[in-house]
Amino acid sequence: QVQLVESGGGLVQPGGSLILSCAASGFRLDYSDIGWFRQAPGKEREGVSCIRSVDGVTYYADSVKGRFTISRDNAKNTVYLQMNSLKPEDTAAYYCAIDRPSYGRSCRQGEYDYWGQGTQVTVSS
């Protein structure tokens, strides 16, 4: 079975940094589309950053461009999200998602079949 285990969330002050990790089992990341999504209270889950495996195209939400970086370590079968210059509005539950490659995939929740349990990121002074 596919399992995604997230870690790295926590409390950080504005301007600080965190790195989120998502360790995958039952599914190879070296030939997968990967993504990070977040959901704040009272808001819809939104795509933060995704990588389309077929061509390597990377998506970032406008709100995180220049601050967040998505990456993968194929040897560790792990996805990462480096988060810098954090703002209070980044506060949310963050989820990783995995699926088989697709030319049509962008960075929308409905496009991914496999999800992690979520990890909370809180940005506050």
C-alpha atoms as a PDB file:
ATOM      1  CA  GLN A   1       0.000   0.000   0.000  1.00  0.00           C
ATOM      2  CA  VAL A   2       1.049   3.596  -0.545  1.00  0.00           C
ATOM      3  CA  GLN A   3       1.944   5.521   2.580  1.00  0.00           C
ATOM      4  CA  LEU A   4       3.192   9.093   2.965  1.00  0.00           C
ATOM      5  CA  VAL A   5       4.567  10.201   6.338  1.00  0.00           C
ATOM      6  CA  GLU A   6       5.137  13.909   6.855  1.00  0.00           C
ATOM      7  CA  SER A   7       7.326  15.671   9.389  1.00  0.00           C
ATOM      8  CA  GLY A   8       8.952  19.031  10.043  1.00  0.00           C
ATOM      9  CA  GLY A   9       6.012  21.214  10.948  1.00  0.00           C
ATOM     10  CA  GLY A  10       5.932  23.386  14.015  1.00  0.00           C
ATOM     11  CA  LEU A  11       5.874  26.900  15.385  1.00  0.00           C
ATOM     12  CA  VAL A  12       8.165  29.483  13.814  1.00  0.00           C
ATOM     13  CA  GLN A  13       8.394  33.256  14.051  1.00  0.00           C
ATOM     14  CA  PRO A  14       7.767  35.491  11.028  1.00  0.00           C
ATOM     15  CA  GLY A  15      10.793  35.583   8.750  1.00  0.00           C
ATOM     16  CA  GLY A  16      11.954  32.177   9.898  1.00  0.00           C
ATOM     17  CA  SER A  17      12.394  28.945   7.975  1.00  0.00           C
ATOM     18  CA  LEU A  18      11.178  25.364   8.097  1.00  0.00           C
ATOM     19  CA  ILE A  19      11.710  22.314   5.943  1.00  0.00           C
ATOM     20  CA  LEU A  20       8.937  19.772   5.571  1.00  0.00           C
ATOM     21  CA  SER A  21       9.641  16.157   4.687  1.00  0.00           C
ATOM     22  CA  CYS A  22       7.391  13.479   3.244  1.00  0.00           C
ATOM     23  CA  ALA A  23       8.734   9.929   3.247  1.00  0.00           C
ATOM     24  CA  ALA A  24       6.987   7.654   0.768  1.00  0.00           C
ATOM     25  CA  SER A  25       6.587   3.888   0.772  1.00  0.00           C
ATOM     26  CA  GLY A  26       4.872   1.649  -1.749  1.00  0.00           C
ATOM     27  CA  PHE A  27       5.417   4.184  -4.524  1.00  0.00           C
ATOM     28  CA  ARG A  28       8.591   5.314  -6.269  1.00  0.00           C
ATOM     29  CA  LEU A  29       9.191   9.051  -6.326  1.00  0.00           C
ATOM     30  CA  ASP A  30      11.737   8.949  -9.153  1.00  0.00           C
ATOM     31  CA  TYR A  31       8.882   8.431 -11.599  1.00  0.00           C
ATOM     32  CA  SER A  32       6.023  10.268  -9.919  1.00  0.00           C
ATOM     33  CA  ASP A  33       4.308  13.608  -9.839  1.00  0.00           C
ATOM     34  CA  ILE A  34       4.651  15.189  -6.409  1.00  0.00           C
ATOM     35  CA  GLY A  35       2.990  18.107  -4.708  1.00  0.00           C
ATOM     36  CA  TRP A  36       2.555  20.080  -1.523  1.00  0.00           C
ATOM     37  CA  PHE A  37      -0.814  21.506  -0.555  1.00  0.00           C
ATOM     38  CA  ARG A  38      -2.014  23.507   2.414  1.00  0.00           C
ATOM     39  CA  GLN A  39      -5.294  24.284   4.101  1.00  0.00           C
ATOM     40  CA  ALA A  40      -5.908  27.061   6.595  1.00  0.00           C
ATOM     41  CA  PRO A  41      -8.981  27.125   8.849  1.00  0.00           C
ATOM     42  CA  GLY A  42     -12.014  28.263   6.904  1.00  0.00           C
ATOM     43  CA  LYS A  43     -10.239  28.082   3.549  1.00  0.00           C
ATOM     44  CA  GLU A  44     -10.021  25.592   0.706  1.00  0.00           C
ATOM     45  CA  ARG A  45      -7.025  23.340   0.269  1.00  0.00           C
ATOM     46  CA  GLU A  46      -4.692  24.962  -2.235  1.00  0.00           C
ATOM     47  CA  GLY A  47      -1.718  23.840  -4.255  1.00  0.00           C
ATOM     48  CA  VAL A  48       1.537  25.263  -2.926  1.00  0.00           C
ATOM     49  CA  SER A  49       4.109  23.605  -5.168  1.00  0.00           C
ATOM     50  CA  CYS A  50       4.157  20.623  -7.532  1.00  0.00           C
ATOM     51  CA  ILE A  51       6.560  18.912  -9.923  1.00  0.00           C
ATOM     52  CA  ARG A  52       5.341  17.228 -13.096  1.00  0.00           C
ATOM     53  CA  SER A  53       7.618  14.285 -13.706  1.00  0.00           C
ATOM     54  CA  VAL A  54       7.143  13.899 -17.471  1.00  0.00           C
ATOM     55  CA  ASP A  55       8.860  17.199 -18.238  1.00  0.00           C
ATOM     56  CA  GLY A  56      10.145  18.480 -14.894  1.00  0.00           C
ATOM     57  CA  VAL A  57       7.879  21.514 -14.911  1.00  0.00           C
ATOM     58  CA  THR A  58       7.536  22.990 -11.435  1.00  0.00           C
ATOM     59  CA  TYR A  59       4.569  24.960 -10.184  1.00  0.00           C
ATOM     60  CA  TYR A  60       4.548  27.463  -7.338  1.00  0.00           C
ATOM     61  CA  ALA A  61       1.595  29.392  -6.048  1.00  0.00           C
ATOM     62  CA  ASP A  62       2.061  33.123  -6.514  1.00  0.00           C
ATOM     63  CA  SER A  63       1.943  33.615  -2.765  1.00  0.00           C
ATOM     64  CA  VAL A  64       5.068  31.483  -2.190  1.00  0.00           C
ATOM     65  CA  LYS A  65       7.205  32.171  -5.261  1.00  0.00           C
ATOM     66  CA  GLY A  66      10.727  33.127  -4.290  1.00  0.00           C
ATOM     67  CA  ARG A  67      10.270  31.812  -0.748  1.00  0.00           C
ATOM     68  CA  PHE A  68       9.467  28.084  -1.044  1.00  0.00           C
ATOM     69  CA  THR A  69      11.361  25.356  -2.887  1.00  0.00           C
ATOM     70  CA  ILE A  70      10.114  21.852  -3.661  1.00  0.00           C
ATOM     71  CA  SER A  71      12.568  18.999  -4.166  1.00  0.00           C
ATOM     72  CA  ARG A  72      12.945  15.245  -3.966  1.00  0.00           C
ATOM     73  CA  ASP A  73      15.637  12.801  -2.921  1.00  0.00           C
ATOM     74  CA  ASN A  74      15.124   9.668  -4.980  1.00  0.00           C
ATOM     75  CA  ALA A  75      17.575   7.621  -2.910  1.00  0.00           C
ATOM     76  CA  LYS A  76      15.573   8.372   0.237  1.00  0.00           C
ATOM     77  CA  ASN A  77      12.222   8.276  -1.579  1.00  0.00           C
ATOM     78  CA  THR A  78      11.403  11.554   0.165  1.00  0.00           C
ATOM     79  CA  VAL A  79       9.824  14.846  -0.903  1.00  0.00           C
ATOM     80  CA  TYR A  80      10.808  18.149   0.699  1.00  0.00           C
ATOM     81  CA  LEU A  81       9.438  21.651   0.939  1.00  0.00           C
ATOM     82  CA  GLN A  82      11.952  24.294   1.993  1.00  0.00           C
ATOM     83  CA  MET A  83      10.063  27.263   3.404  1.00  0.00           C
ATOM     84  CA  ASN A  84      11.884  30.571   3.894  1.00  0.00           C
ATOM     85  CA  SER A  85      10.806  34.071   4.891  1.00  0.00           C
ATOM     86  CA  LEU A  86       7.682  32.671   6.467  1.00  0.00           C
ATOM     87  CA  LYS A  87       4.675  34.910   6.977  1.00  0.00           C
ATOM     88  CA  PRO A  88       1.687  34.569   9.302  1.00  0.00           C
ATOM     89  CA  GLU A  89      -0.505  33.888   6.269  1.00  0.00           C
ATOM     90  CA  ASP A  90       1.533  30.731   5.625  1.00  0.00           C
ATOM     91  CA  THR A  91      -0.048  29.210   8.725  1.00  0.00           C
ATOM     92  CA  ALA A  92      -1.882  26.063   7.641  1.00  0.00           C
ATOM     93  CA  ALA A  93      -1.899  22.297   7.666  1.00  0.00           C
ATOM     94  CA  TYR A  94       0.461  21.128   4.933  1.00  0.00           C
ATOM     95  CA  TYR A  95      -0.054  17.913   2.977  1.00  0.00           C
ATOM     96  CA  CYS A  96       2.111  16.067   0.489  1.00  0.00           C
ATOM     97  CA  ALA A  97       0.609  14.212  -2.445  1.00  0.00           C
ATOM     98  CA  ILE A  98       1.903  11.663  -4.976  1.00  0.00           C
ATOM     99  CA  ASP A  99       0.591  10.145  -8.184  1.00  0.00           C
ATOM    100  CA  ARG A 100       1.705   8.496 -11.404  1.00  0.00           C
ATOM    101  CA  PRO A 101       3.006  10.885 -14.080  1.00  0.00           C
ATOM    102  CA  SER A 102       0.557  12.765 -16.239  1.00  0.00           C
ATOM    103  CA  TYR A 103       1.039  15.382 -18.948  1.00  0.00           C
ATOM    104  CA  GLY A 104      -2.210  17.024 -17.948  1.00  0.00           C
ATOM    105  CA  ARG A 105      -1.501  17.473 -14.253  1.00  0.00           C
ATOM    106  CA  SER A 106      -0.845  20.924 -12.850  1.00  0.00           C
ATOM    107  CA  CYS A 107      -1.202  21.433  -9.082  1.00  0.00           C
ATOM    108  CA  ARG A 108      -4.772  20.818  -8.050  1.00  0.00           C
ATOM    109  CA  GLN A 109      -6.011  18.630  -5.213  1.00  0.00           C
ATOM    110  CA  GLY A 110      -8.323  16.553  -7.396  1.00  0.00           C
ATOM    111  CA  GLU A 111      -5.426  15.442  -9.603  1.00  0.00           C
ATOM    112  CA  TYR A 112      -3.641  13.424  -6.885  1.00  0.00           C
ATOM    113  CA  ASP A 113      -4.640  10.045  -5.484  1.00  0.00           C
ATOM    114  CA  TYR A 114      -2.215   9.500  -2.588  1.00  0.00           C
ATOM    115  CA  TRP A 115      -1.931  11.834   0.398  1.00  0.00           C
ATOM    116  CA  GLY A 116      -0.027  12.255   3.614  1.00  0.00           C
ATOM    117  CA  GLN A 117      -1.628  12.848   6.993  1.00  0.00           C
ATOM    118  CA  GLY A 118      -0.709  16.531   7.148  1.00  0.00           C
ATOM    119  CA  THR A 119       1.622  18.523   9.367  1.00  0.00           C
ATOM    120  CA  GLN A 120       0.808  21.824  11.030  1.00  0.00           C
ATOM    121  CA  VAL A 121       2.851  24.952  10.332  1.00  0.00           C
ATOM    122  CA  THR A 122       2.166  27.963  12.536  1.00  0.00           C
ATOM    123  CA  VAL A 123       3.905  31.289  11.887  1.00  0.00           C
ATOM    124  CA  SER A 124       3.513  33.621  14.827  1.00  0.00           C
ATOM    125  CA  SER A 125       5.521  35.920  17.054  1.00  0.00           C
END
